[in-house]
C-alpha atoms as a PDB file:
ATOM      1  CA  MET A   1       0.115  -0.139  -0.020  1.00  0.00           C
ATOM      2  CA  ILE A   2       1.236   3.548  -0.878  1.00  0.00           C
ATOM      3  CA  ARG A   3       1.301   5.710   2.176  1.00  0.00           C
ATOM      4  CA  PRO A   4       1.792   9.337   2.829  1.00  0.00           C
ATOM      5  CA  GLU A   5       5.258   8.460   4.001  1.00  0.00           C
ATOM      6  CA  ASP A   6       6.137   7.273   0.339  1.00  0.00           C
ATOM      7  CA  ASP A   7       6.503  11.033  -0.555  1.00  0.00           C
ATOM      8  CA  TYR A   8       9.636  11.000   1.621  1.00  0.00           C
ATOM      9  CA  PHE A   9      13.103   9.477   0.953  1.00  0.00           C
ATOM     10  CA  HIS A  10      12.891   5.836   1.720  1.00  0.00           C
ATOM     11  CA  PRO A  11      15.531   3.523   3.575  1.00  0.00           C
ATOM     12  CA  ARG A  12      18.357   2.995   1.111  1.00  0.00           C
ATOM     13  CA  ASN A  13      21.252   0.447   0.647  1.00  0.00           C
ATOM     14  CA  GLU A  14      24.895   1.786  -0.139  1.00  0.00           C
ATOM     15  CA  SER A  15      24.603   1.493  -3.885  1.00  0.00           C
ATOM     16  CA  PRO A  16      25.883   4.591  -5.779  1.00  0.00           C
ATOM     17  CA  TYR A  17      23.010   4.021  -8.251  1.00  0.00           C
ATOM     18  CA  TRP A  18      20.165   4.263  -5.507  1.00  0.00           C
ATOM     19  CA  ASN A  19      17.681   6.642  -7.103  1.00  0.00           C
ATOM     20  CA  GLU A  20      14.606   8.532  -5.848  1.00  0.00           C
ATOM     21  CA  SER A  21      12.863  10.272  -8.983  1.00  0.00           C
ATOM     22  CA  ALA A  22       9.655  12.096  -9.665  1.00  0.00           C
ATOM     23  CA  TRP A  23       7.835  13.711 -12.703  1.00  0.00           C
ATOM     24  CA  PHE A  24       4.923  16.221 -12.801  1.00  0.00           C
ATOM     25  CA  SER A  25       3.179  17.201 -16.050  1.00  0.00           C
ATOM     26  CA  PHE A  26       1.197  20.313 -17.227  1.00  0.00           C
ATOM     27  CA  ASN A  27      -0.343  21.223 -20.466  1.00  0.00           C
ATOM     28  CA  VAL A  28      -2.496  24.014 -22.134  1.00  0.00           C
ATOM     29  CA  PRO A  29      -4.761  22.304 -24.513  1.00  0.00           C
ATOM     30  CA  ASP A  30      -5.836  25.416 -26.468  1.00  0.00           C
ATOM     31  CA  ARG A  31      -2.207  26.316 -27.026  1.00  0.00           C
ATOM     32  CA  SER A  32      -1.212  22.692 -27.902  1.00  0.00           C
ATOM     33  CA  LEU A  33       1.402  23.052 -25.363  1.00  0.00           C
ATOM     34  CA  ASN A  34       2.778  20.489 -23.010  1.00  0.00           C
ATOM     35  CA  GLY A  35       5.474  20.600 -20.147  1.00  0.00           C
ATOM     36  CA  LEU A  36       7.333  18.263 -17.722  1.00  0.00           C
ATOM     37  CA  ILE A  37       9.150  18.746 -14.650  1.00  0.00           C
ATOM     38  CA  TYR A  38      11.627  15.839 -13.798  1.00  0.00           C
ATOM     39  CA  PHE A  39      14.045  15.300 -11.299  1.00  0.00           C
ATOM     40  CA  TRP A  40      15.935  12.538  -9.495  1.00  0.00           C
ATOM     41  CA  HIS A  41      17.974  12.554  -6.452  1.00  0.00           C
ATOM     42  CA  ARG A  42      21.068  10.222  -5.951  1.00  0.00           C
ATOM     43  CA  PRO A  43      21.565  10.641  -2.287  1.00  0.00           C
ATOM     44  CA  ASN A  44      24.568   8.346  -2.012  1.00  0.00           C
ATOM     45  CA  LEU A  45      26.313  10.413  -4.537  1.00  0.00           C
ATOM     46  CA  GLY A  46      25.020  13.720  -3.179  1.00  0.00           C
ATOM     47  CA  LEU A  47      23.643  14.653  -6.511  1.00  0.00           C
ATOM     48  CA  THR A  48      20.379  16.038  -7.815  1.00  0.00           C
ATOM     49  CA  GLN A  49      19.288  16.081 -11.460  1.00  0.00           C
ATOM     50  CA  ALA A  50      16.389  18.415 -12.270  1.00  0.00           C
ATOM     51  CA  GLY A  51      15.113  20.211 -15.249  1.00  0.00           C
ATOM     52  CA  VAL A  52      12.064  21.456 -17.212  1.00  0.00           C
ATOM     53  CA  SER A  53      10.768  21.017 -21.046  1.00  0.00           C
ATOM     54  CA  VAL A  54       7.982  22.973 -22.577  1.00  0.00           C
ATOM     55  CA  TRP A  55       7.046  22.175 -26.153  1.00  0.00           C
ATOM     56  CA  ASP A  56       4.291  22.688 -28.719  1.00  0.00           C
ATOM     57  CA  PRO A  57       3.894  21.940 -32.383  1.00  0.00           C
ATOM     58  CA  THR A  58       6.517  24.430 -33.651  1.00  0.00           C
ATOM     59  CA  GLY A  59       9.559  22.398 -32.525  1.00  0.00           C
ATOM     60  CA  SER A  60       9.934  18.677 -31.334  1.00  0.00           C
ATOM     61  CA  GLU A  61      13.806  18.399 -30.711  1.00  0.00           C
ATOM     62  CA  LEU A  62      15.544  19.605 -27.635  1.00  0.00           C
ATOM     63  CA  HIS A  63      17.271  22.345 -29.607  1.00  0.00           C
ATOM     64  CA  ASP A  64      14.097  23.837 -31.406  1.00  0.00           C
ATOM     65  CA  CYS A  65      11.213  23.188 -28.674  1.00  0.00           C
ATOM     66  CA  LEU A  66      10.083  26.109 -26.847  1.00  0.00           C
ATOM     67  CA  PHE A  67      12.146  25.436 -23.882  1.00  0.00           C
ATOM     68  CA  HIS A  68      14.459  22.771 -22.527  1.00  0.00           C
ATOM     69  CA  GLU A  69      16.962  22.947 -19.822  1.00  0.00           C
ATOM     70  CA  PHE A  70      18.272  20.103 -17.479  1.00  0.00           C
ATOM     71  CA  ASP A  71      21.233  20.439 -15.037  1.00  0.00           C
ATOM     72  CA  HIS A  72      22.660  16.727 -14.461  1.00  0.00           C
ATOM     73  CA  PHE A  73      25.185  17.422 -11.729  1.00  0.00           C
ATOM     74  CA  GLN A  74      23.928  19.596  -8.743  1.00  0.00           C
ATOM     75  CA  PRO A  75      24.779  19.033  -5.337  1.00  0.00           C
ATOM     76  CA  LEU A  76      21.775  17.437  -3.257  1.00  0.00           C
ATOM     77  CA  PRO A  77      20.933  20.337  -0.893  1.00  0.00           C
ATOM     78  CA  ALA A  78      21.509  19.612   3.002  1.00  0.00           C
ATOM     79  CA  GLY A  79      18.328  18.852   4.532  1.00  0.00           C
ATOM     80  CA  ALA A  80      16.671  18.278   1.332  1.00  0.00           C
ATOM     81  CA  GLU A  81      13.648  15.779   1.240  1.00  0.00           C
ATOM     82  CA  MET A  82      12.275  14.029  -1.974  1.00  0.00           C
ATOM     83  CA  PHE A  83       9.616  16.755  -2.516  1.00  0.00           C
ATOM     84  CA  ASP A  84      11.073  19.388  -0.546  1.00  0.00           C
ATOM     85  CA  PHE A  85      14.336  21.214  -1.961  1.00  0.00           C
ATOM     86  CA  SER A  86      15.721  24.025  -4.187  1.00  0.00           C
ATOM     87  CA  VAL A  87      18.615  23.392  -6.631  1.00  0.00           C
ATOM     88  CA  ASP A  88      20.904  25.705  -8.425  1.00  0.00           C
ATOM     89  CA  CYS A  89      19.031  25.357 -11.790  1.00  0.00           C
ATOM     90  CA  GLY A  90      16.114  27.315 -10.541  1.00  0.00           C
ATOM     91  CA  LEU A  91      13.667  24.689  -9.500  1.00  0.00           C
ATOM     92  CA  THR A  92      11.949  24.583  -6.217  1.00  0.00           C
ATOM     93  CA  VAL A  93       9.674  21.792  -4.911  1.00  0.00           C
ATOM     94  CA  ALA A  94       7.657  21.971  -1.997  1.00  0.00           C
ATOM     95  CA  CYS A  95       5.390  19.266  -0.543  1.00  0.00           C
ATOM     96  CA  LEU A  96       2.488  21.197   1.198  1.00  0.00           C
ATOM     97  CA  GLU A  97       0.545  18.003   2.059  1.00  0.00           C
ATOM     98  CA  PRO A  98       1.881  14.530   1.352  1.00  0.00           C
ATOM     99  CA  GLN A  99       0.139  12.880  -1.764  1.00  0.00           C
ATOM    100  CA  SER A 100      -2.338  15.725  -1.731  1.00  0.00           C
ATOM    101  CA  ARG A 101      -0.775  19.190  -2.411  1.00  0.00           C
ATOM    102  CA  PHE A 102       2.659  20.228  -4.075  1.00  0.00           C
ATOM    103  CA  ARG A 103       3.987  23.785  -5.007  1.00  0.00           C
ATOM    104  CA  LEU A 104       6.346  23.822  -8.057  1.00  0.00           C
ATOM    105  CA  GLU A 105       8.350  27.051  -8.974  1.00  0.00           C
ATOM    106  CA  TYR A 106      11.195  27.652 -11.510  1.00  0.00           C
ATOM    107  CA  SER A 107      13.208  30.556 -12.572  1.00  0.00           C
ATOM    108  CA  SER A 108      15.799  30.528 -15.457  1.00  0.00           C
ATOM    109  CA  ALA A 109      16.846  32.426 -18.378  1.00  0.00           C
ATOM    110  CA  GLY A 110      13.940  31.860 -20.905  1.00  0.00           C
ATOM    111  CA  CYS A 111      11.202  30.216 -18.758  1.00  0.00           C
ATOM    112  CA  GLU A 112       9.731  30.654 -15.271  1.00  0.00           C
ATOM    113  CA  PHE A 113       6.528  29.322 -13.643  1.00  0.00           C
ATOM    114  CA  GLU A 114       4.493  28.915 -10.394  1.00  0.00           C
ATOM    115  CA  LEU A 115       2.257  25.905 -10.366  1.00  0.00           C
ATOM    116  CA  ASP A 116       0.150  24.295  -7.626  1.00  0.00           C
ATOM    117  CA  TRP A 117      -0.565  20.662  -8.004  1.00  0.00           C
ATOM    118  CA  THR A 118      -3.686  19.237  -6.029  1.00  0.00           C
ATOM    119  CA  LYS A 119      -4.620  15.378  -5.953  1.00  0.00           C
ATOM    120  CA  ILE A 120      -7.978  14.088  -7.689  1.00  0.00           C
ATOM    121  CA  MET A 121      -7.261  10.516  -6.664  1.00  0.00           C
ATOM    122  CA  ASP A 122      -5.393   8.167  -4.527  1.00  0.00           C
ATOM    123  CA  PRO A 123      -2.221   7.055  -6.255  1.00  0.00           C
ATOM    124  CA  LEU A 124      -1.861   3.710  -8.389  1.00  0.00           C
ATOM    125  CA  GLU A 125       0.665   1.523  -6.615  1.00  0.00           C
ATOM    126  CA  THR A 126       2.974  -0.673  -8.723  1.00  0.00           C
ATOM    127  CA  PRO A 127       2.869  -4.062  -6.827  1.00  0.00           C
ATOM    128  CA  GLN A 128       6.306  -5.726  -6.502  1.00  0.00           C
ATOM    129  CA  VAL A 129       5.379  -8.451  -9.106  1.00  0.00           C
ATOM    130  CA  GLN A 130       5.025  -5.693 -11.574  1.00  0.00           C
ATOM    131  CA  VAL A 131       8.253  -3.940 -10.556  1.00  0.00           C
ATOM    132  CA  ASP A 132       9.867  -7.336 -10.992  1.00  0.00           C
ATOM    133  CA  VAL A 133       8.526  -7.372 -14.696  1.00  0.00           C
ATOM    134  CA  LEU A 134      10.139  -4.091 -15.326  1.00  0.00           C
ATOM    135  CA  ASP A 135      13.252  -4.948 -13.494  1.00  0.00           C
ATOM    136  CA  ARG A 136      13.655  -8.016 -15.872  1.00  0.00           C
ATOM    137  CA  THR A 137      13.555  -5.670 -19.021  1.00  0.00           C
ATOM    138  CA  CYS A 138      15.543  -2.633 -17.902  1.00  0.00           C
ATOM    139  CA  GLU A 139      18.301  -3.625 -15.203  1.00  0.00           C
ATOM    140  CA  GLY A 140      16.756  -2.039 -12.369  1.00  0.00           C
ATOM    141  CA  TRP A 141      13.629   0.050 -12.856  1.00  0.00           C
ATOM    142  CA  GLY A 142      13.327   0.625  -9.045  1.00  0.00           C
ATOM    143  CA  LYS A 143      12.014  -0.992  -5.693  1.00  0.00           C
ATOM    144  CA  GLY A 144       8.916   1.037  -5.717  1.00  0.00           C
ATOM    145  CA  HIS A 145       6.692   3.264  -8.031  1.00  0.00           C
ATOM    146  CA  TYR A 146       3.381   4.899  -8.167  1.00  0.00           C
ATOM    147  CA  GLU A 147       1.470   7.371 -10.130  1.00  0.00           C
ATOM    148  CA  GLN A 148      -1.250   9.842  -9.208  1.00  0.00           C
ATOM    149  CA  GLY A 149      -3.719  12.031 -11.309  1.00  0.00           C
ATOM    150  CA  GLY A 150      -4.154  15.752 -10.164  1.00  0.00           C
ATOM    151  CA  ARG A 151      -5.294  19.005 -11.044  1.00  0.00           C
ATOM    152  CA  ILE A 152      -2.409  21.610 -11.690  1.00  0.00           C
ATOM    153  CA  ARG A 153      -3.126  25.483 -11.912  1.00  0.00           C
ATOM    154  CA  GLY A 154      -0.773  28.422 -12.489  1.00  0.00           C
ATOM    155  CA  ARG A 155       1.161  30.444 -14.880  1.00  0.00           C
ATOM    156  CA  VAL A 156       4.212  29.580 -17.190  1.00  0.00           C
ATOM    157  CA  THR A 157       6.207  32.216 -19.032  1.00  0.00           C
ATOM    158  CA  VAL A 158       8.610  31.434 -21.682  1.00  0.00           C
ATOM    159  CA  ASP A 159      10.424  34.199 -23.522  1.00  0.00           C
ATOM    160  CA  GLY A 160       7.855  36.579 -22.480  1.00  0.00           C
ATOM    161  CA  ASP A 161       4.746  34.519 -23.649  1.00  0.00           C
ATOM    162  CA  VAL A 162       2.462  33.836 -20.696  1.00  0.00           C
ATOM    163  CA  PHE A 163       0.565  30.667 -20.675  1.00  0.00           C
ATOM    164  CA  ASP A 164      -2.271  30.169 -17.909  1.00  0.00           C
ATOM    165  CA  VAL A 165      -2.353  26.675 -16.928  1.00  0.00           C
ATOM    166  CA  ASP A 166      -5.745  25.212 -15.381  1.00  0.00           C
ATOM    167  CA  THR A 167      -5.925  21.529 -16.449  1.00  0.00           C
ATOM    168  CA  PHE A 168      -5.292  18.023 -15.191  1.00  0.00           C
ATOM    169  CA  GLY A 169      -1.810  16.490 -14.898  1.00  0.00           C
ATOM    170  CA  THR A 170      -0.122  13.377 -13.438  1.00  0.00           C
ATOM    171  CA  ARG A 171       2.740  12.835 -11.150  1.00  0.00           C
ATOM    172  CA  ASP A 172       4.988   9.931 -10.247  1.00  0.00           C
ATOM    173  CA  HIS A 173       7.602   8.689  -7.863  1.00  0.00           C
ATOM    174  CA  THR A 174      10.218   5.835  -8.078  1.00  0.00           C
ATOM    175  CA  TRP A 175      12.756   4.633  -5.752  1.00  0.00           C
ATOM    176  CA  GLY A 176      15.336   2.027  -5.571  1.00  0.00           C
ATOM    177  CA  VAL A 177      18.536   1.038  -7.398  1.00  0.00           C
ATOM    178  CA  ARG A 178      18.405   2.105 -11.031  1.00  0.00           C
ATOM    179  CA  ARG A 179      21.019   1.571 -13.759  1.00  0.00           C
ATOM    180  CA  MET A 180      21.033   2.550 -17.296  1.00  0.00           C
ATOM    181  CA  TYR A 181      18.836   0.644 -19.659  1.00  0.00           C
ATOM    182  CA  HIS A 182      20.285  -1.616 -22.261  1.00  0.00           C
ATOM    183  CA  ASP A 183      18.132  -4.215 -23.448  1.00  0.00           C
ATOM    184  CA  MET A 184      14.786  -2.723 -22.530  1.00  0.00           C
ATOM    185  CA  PRO A 185      11.961  -3.438 -24.886  1.00  0.00           C
ATOM    186  CA  ARG A 186       9.720  -0.833 -26.488  1.00  0.00           C
ATOM    187  CA  GLN A 187       6.951   0.443 -24.094  1.00  0.00           C
ATOM    188  CA  GLY A 188       4.036   2.679 -24.388  1.00  0.00           C
ATOM    189  CA  TYR A 189       2.741   4.732 -21.388  1.00  0.00           C
ATOM    190  CA  GLU A 190      -0.657   6.515 -22.066  1.00  0.00           C
ATOM    191  CA  TRP A 191      -3.103   8.533 -19.910  1.00  0.00           C
ATOM    192  CA  GLY A 192      -5.994  11.002 -20.237  1.00  0.00           C
ATOM    193  CA  ILE A 193      -8.254  12.730 -17.798  1.00  0.00           C
ATOM    194  CA  ALA A 194     -11.551  14.258 -18.779  1.00  0.00           C
ATOM    195  CA  SER A 195     -12.682  14.832 -15.166  1.00  0.00           C
ATOM    196  CA  PRO A 196     -12.031  13.527 -11.631  1.00  0.00           C
ATOM    197  CA  ASP A 197     -14.908  10.919 -12.457  1.00  0.00           C
ATOM    198  CA  SER A 198     -13.413   9.931 -16.073  1.00  0.00           C
ATOM    199  CA  SER A 199      -9.914   9.040 -16.632  1.00  0.00           C
ATOM    200  CA  PHE A 200      -7.379   6.129 -17.663  1.00  0.00           C
ATOM    201  CA  LEU A 201      -3.671   5.275 -17.457  1.00  0.00           C
ATOM    202  CA  VAL A 202      -1.917   2.319 -19.086  1.00  0.00           C
ATOM    203  CA  HIS A 203       1.354   0.969 -19.306  1.00  0.00           C
ATOM    204  CA  ALA A 204       2.239  -1.592 -21.929  1.00  0.00           C
ATOM    205  CA  VAL A 205       5.205  -3.450 -23.115  1.00  0.00           C
ATOM    206  CA  ASN A 206       6.215  -4.816 -26.410  1.00  0.00           C
ATOM    207  CA  ARG A 207       7.140  -8.424 -26.409  1.00  0.00           C
ATOM    208  CA  ILE A 208       8.956  -8.490 -29.890  1.00  0.00           C
ATOM    209  CA  PRO A 209      12.722  -8.685 -29.806  1.00  0.00           C
ATOM    210  CA  SER A 210      14.119  -5.314 -30.674  1.00  0.00           C
ATOM    211  CA  ASP A 211      16.441  -6.507 -33.551  1.00  0.00           C
ATOM    212  CA  VAL A 212      13.162  -7.664 -35.488  1.00  0.00           C
ATOM    213  CA  ASP A 213      10.627  -5.065 -34.118  1.00  0.00           C
ATOM    214  CA  ASP A 214      10.117  -2.597 -36.901  1.00  0.00           C
ATOM    215  CA  LEU A 215       7.669  -0.155 -35.013  1.00  0.00           C
ATOM    216  CA  ASP A 216       4.949  -0.265 -37.617  1.00  0.00           C
ATOM    217  CA  LYS A 217       1.329  -1.047 -36.194  1.00  0.00           C
ATOM    218  CA  THR A 218       2.876  -3.524 -33.554  1.00  0.00           C
ATOM    219  CA  VAL A 219       0.594  -4.156 -30.527  1.00  0.00           C
ATOM    220  CA  GLU A 220       1.911  -3.834 -27.076  1.00  0.00           C
ATOM    221  CA  ASP A 221       0.628  -5.701 -24.091  1.00  0.00           C
ATOM    222  CA  GLN A 222      -0.840  -3.797 -21.220  1.00  0.00           C
ATOM    223  CA  PHE A 223       0.217  -4.823 -17.852  1.00  0.00           C
ATOM    224  CA  ARG A 224      -0.827  -2.166 -15.400  1.00  0.00           C
ATOM    225  CA  GLY A 225      -3.082   0.873 -15.094  1.00  0.00           C
ATOM    226  CA  TRP A 226      -6.216   2.482 -13.750  1.00  0.00           C
ATOM    227  CA  TYR A 227      -9.781   3.228 -15.432  1.00  0.00           C
ATOM    228  CA  ILE A 228     -12.090   5.666 -13.684  1.00  0.00           C
ATOM    229  CA  LYS A 229     -15.662   5.573 -15.212  1.00  0.00           C
ATOM    230  CA  ASP A 230     -18.685   7.395 -13.483  1.00  0.00           C
ATOM    231  CA  GLY A 231     -16.522   8.158 -10.612  1.00  0.00           C
ATOM    232  CA  ILE A 232     -15.730   4.415  -9.942  1.00  0.00           C
ATOM    233  CA  ARG A 233     -12.025   3.301 -10.140  1.00  0.00           C
ATOM    234  CA  ALA A 234     -10.552  -0.129 -10.968  1.00  0.00           C
ATOM    235  CA  ASP A 235      -7.000  -1.312 -11.638  1.00  0.00           C
ATOM    236  CA  MET A 236      -6.213  -2.756 -15.277  1.00  0.00           C
ATOM    237  CA  HIS A 237      -3.859  -5.570 -15.882  1.00  0.00           C
ATOM    238  CA  GLN A 238      -5.000  -6.783 -19.458  1.00  0.00           C
ATOM    239  CA  GLY A 239      -5.303  -5.099 -22.818  1.00  0.00           C
ATOM    240  CA  SER A 240      -3.350  -3.398 -25.432  1.00  0.00           C
ATOM    241  CA  ARG A 241      -2.036  -0.351 -27.020  1.00  0.00           C
ATOM    242  CA  GLN A 242      -1.280   0.268 -30.661  1.00  0.00           C
ATOM    243  CA  VAL A 243       0.327   3.183 -32.565  1.00  0.00           C
ATOM    244  CA  VAL A 244      -1.575   2.965 -35.639  1.00  0.00           C
ATOM    245  CA  GLU A 245       0.004   5.962 -37.485  1.00  0.00           C
ATOM    246  CA  ARG A 246       3.529   7.210 -37.069  1.00  0.00           C
ATOM    247  CA  ALA A 247       5.086  10.330 -38.594  1.00  0.00           C
ATOM    248  CA  PRO A 248       8.289   9.962 -40.848  1.00  0.00           C
ATOM    249  CA  ASP A 249      10.500  10.550 -38.009  1.00  0.00           C
ATOM    250  CA  GLY A 250       8.666   7.842 -35.923  1.00  0.00           C
ATOM    251  CA  ARG A 251       6.715   9.928 -33.496  1.00  0.00           C
ATOM    252  CA  PRO A 252       3.237   8.691 -32.846  1.00  0.00           C
ATOM    253  CA  LEU A 253       0.326  10.412 -34.660  1.00  0.00           C
ATOM    254  CA  THR A 254      -2.744   8.063 -33.543  1.00  0.00           C
ATOM    255  CA  VAL A 255      -2.799   5.695 -30.758  1.00  0.00           C
ATOM    256  CA  VAL A 256      -5.673   3.161 -29.813  1.00  0.00           C
ATOM    257  CA  VAL A 257      -5.924   1.743 -26.271  1.00  0.00           C
ATOM    258  CA  ASP A 258      -8.027  -1.302 -25.376  1.00  0.00           C
ATOM    259  CA  GLY A 259      -8.422  -2.991 -21.951  1.00  0.00           C
ATOM    260  CA  VAL A 260     -10.647  -4.466 -19.366  1.00  0.00           C
ATOM    261  CA  ASP A 261     -10.540  -3.619 -15.774  1.00  0.00           C
ATOM    262  CA  ASP A 262     -11.122  -5.683 -12.614  1.00  0.00           C
ATOM    263  CA  LEU A 263     -14.702  -4.793 -12.525  1.00  0.00           C
ATOM    264  CA  GLY A 264     -14.964  -6.319 -15.925  1.00  0.00           C
ATOM    265  CA  ARG A 265     -15.579  -2.907 -17.758  1.00  0.00           C
ATOM    266  CA  HIS A 266     -14.150  -2.524 -21.148  1.00  0.00           C
ATOM    267  CA  LEU A 267     -12.052   0.615 -21.890  1.00  0.00           C
ATOM    268  CA  HIS A 268     -11.648   1.649 -25.511  1.00  0.00           C
ATOM    269  CA  THR A 269     -10.033   5.039 -26.244  1.00  0.00           C
ATOM    270  CA  GLU A 270      -8.489   6.619 -29.372  1.00  0.00           C
ATOM    271  CA  GLY A 271      -5.871   9.445 -29.022  1.00  0.00           C
ATOM    272  CA  THR A 272      -4.467  12.076 -31.584  1.00  0.00           C
ATOM    273  CA  CYS A 273      -1.089  13.284 -30.838  1.00  0.00           C
ATOM    274  CA  VAL A 274      -1.052  17.092 -31.352  1.00  0.00           C
ATOM    275  CA  ASN A 275       2.834  17.572 -30.693  1.00  0.00           C
ATOM    276  CA  ALA A 276       5.773  15.789 -29.727  1.00  0.00           C
ATOM    277  CA  LEU A 277       9.071  16.127 -28.100  1.00  0.00           C
ATOM    278  CA  ARG A 278      11.878  13.862 -28.818  1.00  0.00           C
ATOM    279  CA  TYR A 279      13.337  13.422 -25.394  1.00  0.00           C
ATOM    280  CA  PRO A 280      16.499  11.264 -24.792  1.00  0.00           C
ATOM    281  CA  CYS A 281      15.656   9.426 -21.572  1.00  0.00           C
ATOM    282  CA  HIS A 282      18.509   7.843 -19.653  1.00  0.00           C
ATOM    283  CA  VAL A 283      20.851   7.691 -22.590  1.00  0.00           C
ATOM    284  CA  PHE A 284      19.840   4.424 -24.235  1.00  0.00           C
ATOM    285  CA  TRP A 285      16.141   5.318 -24.557  1.00  0.00           C
ATOM    286  CA  LEU A 286      14.140   7.831 -26.802  1.00  0.00           C
ATOM    287  CA  ASP A 287      10.884   8.921 -25.525  1.00  0.00           C
ATOM    288  CA  ASN A 288       8.426  10.298 -28.123  1.00  0.00           C
ATOM    289  CA  TRP A 289       6.547  12.417 -25.564  1.00  0.00           C
ATOM    290  CA  CYS A 290       3.360  13.750 -26.992  1.00  0.00           C
ATOM    291  CA  LEU A 291       0.309  15.820 -25.703  1.00  0.00           C
ATOM    292  CA  THR A 292      -2.694  13.727 -26.777  1.00  0.00           C
ATOM    293  CA  ARG A 293      -6.304  14.475 -27.150  1.00  0.00           C
ATOM    294  CA  TRP A 294      -8.223  11.228 -26.363  1.00  0.00           C
ATOM    295  CA  SER A 295     -11.866  10.189 -26.906  1.00  0.00           C
ATOM    296  CA  LEU A 296     -12.873   8.608 -23.575  1.00  0.00           C
ATOM    297  CA  ASP A 297     -16.426   7.433 -22.919  1.00  0.00           C
ATOM    298  CA  GLY A 298     -18.092  10.271 -24.991  1.00  0.00           C
ATOM    299  CA  ALA A 299     -15.894  13.089 -23.711  1.00  0.00           C
ATOM    300  CA  THR A 300     -12.479  14.571 -24.601  1.00  0.00           C
ATOM    301  CA  ALA A 301      -9.602  13.712 -22.029  1.00  0.00           C
ATOM    302  CA  TRP A 302      -6.433  15.400 -22.539  1.00  0.00           C
ATOM    303  CA  GLY A 303      -3.355  13.677 -21.558  1.00  0.00           C
ATOM    304  CA  GLU A 304      -0.247  12.093 -22.968  1.00  0.00           C
ATOM    305  CA  THR A 305       1.373   9.490 -25.099  1.00  0.00           C
ATOM    306  CA  GLN A 306       4.823   8.322 -23.961  1.00  0.00           C
ATOM    307  CA  ASP A 307       6.303   6.079 -26.734  1.00  0.00           C
ATOM    308  CA  PHE A 308       9.649   4.555 -25.514  1.00  0.00           C
ATOM    309  CA  VAL A 309      12.177   3.293 -28.279  1.00  0.00           C
ATOM    310  CA  GLN A 310      15.558   2.021 -27.578  1.00  0.00           C
ATOM    311  CA  MET A 311      17.885   4.542 -29.177  1.00  0.00           C
ATOM    312  CA  GLN A 312      19.663   2.125 -31.810  1.00  0.00           C
ATOM    313  CA  GLN A 313      16.292   0.701 -32.777  1.00  0.00           C
ATOM    314  CA  ASN A 314      14.999   4.141 -33.514  1.00  0.00           C
ATOM    315  CA  ARG A 315      18.167   4.743 -35.602  1.00  0.00           C
ATOM    316  CA  ARG A 316      17.427   1.573 -37.478  1.00  0.00           C
ATOM    317  CA  TYR A 317      13.877   2.590 -38.165  1.00  0.00           C
ATOM    318  CA  LEU A 318      14.931   6.166 -39.549  1.00  0.00           C
ATOM    319  CA  ARG A 319      17.240   4.565 -41.884  1.00  0.00           C
ATOM    320  CA  LYS A 320      14.528   2.397 -43.141  1.00  0.00           C
ATOM    321  CA  VAL A 321      12.218   5.076 -43.601  1.00  0.00           C
ATOM    322  CA  ARG A 322      14.798   7.240 -45.603  1.00  0.00           C
ATOM    323  CA  ALA A 323      15.890   4.459 -47.771  1.00  0.00           C
ATOM    324  CA  ARG A 324      12.300   3.873 -48.684  1.00  0.00           C
ATOM    325  CA  SER A 325      11.784   7.616 -49.442  1.00  0.00           C
ATOM    326  CA  SER A 326      14.895   7.654 -51.679  1.00  0.00           C
ATOM    327  CA  ALA A 327      13.731   4.530 -53.547  1.00  0.00           C
ATOM    328  CA  THR A 328      10.513   6.495 -54.458  1.00  0.00           C
END
């Protein structure tokens, strides 16, 4: 069971790879804008990595998106806690009430914000058996993990352009020994929130070996998630996700998610990706991180598609696409 104490640092071993990480999302749908706040602490090394990305359809790479700035080697401040710290890059995080309310502030050349995050649901726990599945695929995903849906409000300024934020977003927290990913299979991570009474999140894994997986219209098996319908939440452990259309650079354009929750209810949702950030995650992994408009139970649910691909696999895919284009 996830407890309020899990929003603090956990007892740890002596491994230099012990990691406590977290992510918050925000978006402005009418501006097709998406943002992420990501940080991880390596307390046995005395380091904190933290940064912010903001993007819209005008740019999908780190060098041409609206804003991207991460500092990978900052000292972990004395007395810092998981969600209570300020670091040199300009990010300040404050836990106002564990698993309920957070304050996020940032100030740097080109971007600043003040955002308040408030829960709309209890966290989704990743049981140990599911952590073990991830650990077998990526050399140590972490000992514990959870996600939580919330409402995020505030204001973001990028190069003088002001964006008012009042939407739904998710956050997560992972802890344990984490090393770099090498042979991790391709994965999909999708979520959408229409209201506190209507939302979903799914995490799916591709079972095809990466050397023969060509990315085109494959189906990934869902193995964890939630479904909230008419205000009633149930966990999901069976289903699928499929990227049915990709852009020439590999980013998803259309995604379909199907599943059955523990109450026997069927989820079917189709998503249109309205932007993408080609985000290099943990060196060996490319994340196509997309703001997505989902059709969910007759309503529009804004959320994300996170399409994780091995870097070398993505390079092979791009070479194949370019060769096909040259041949025509």
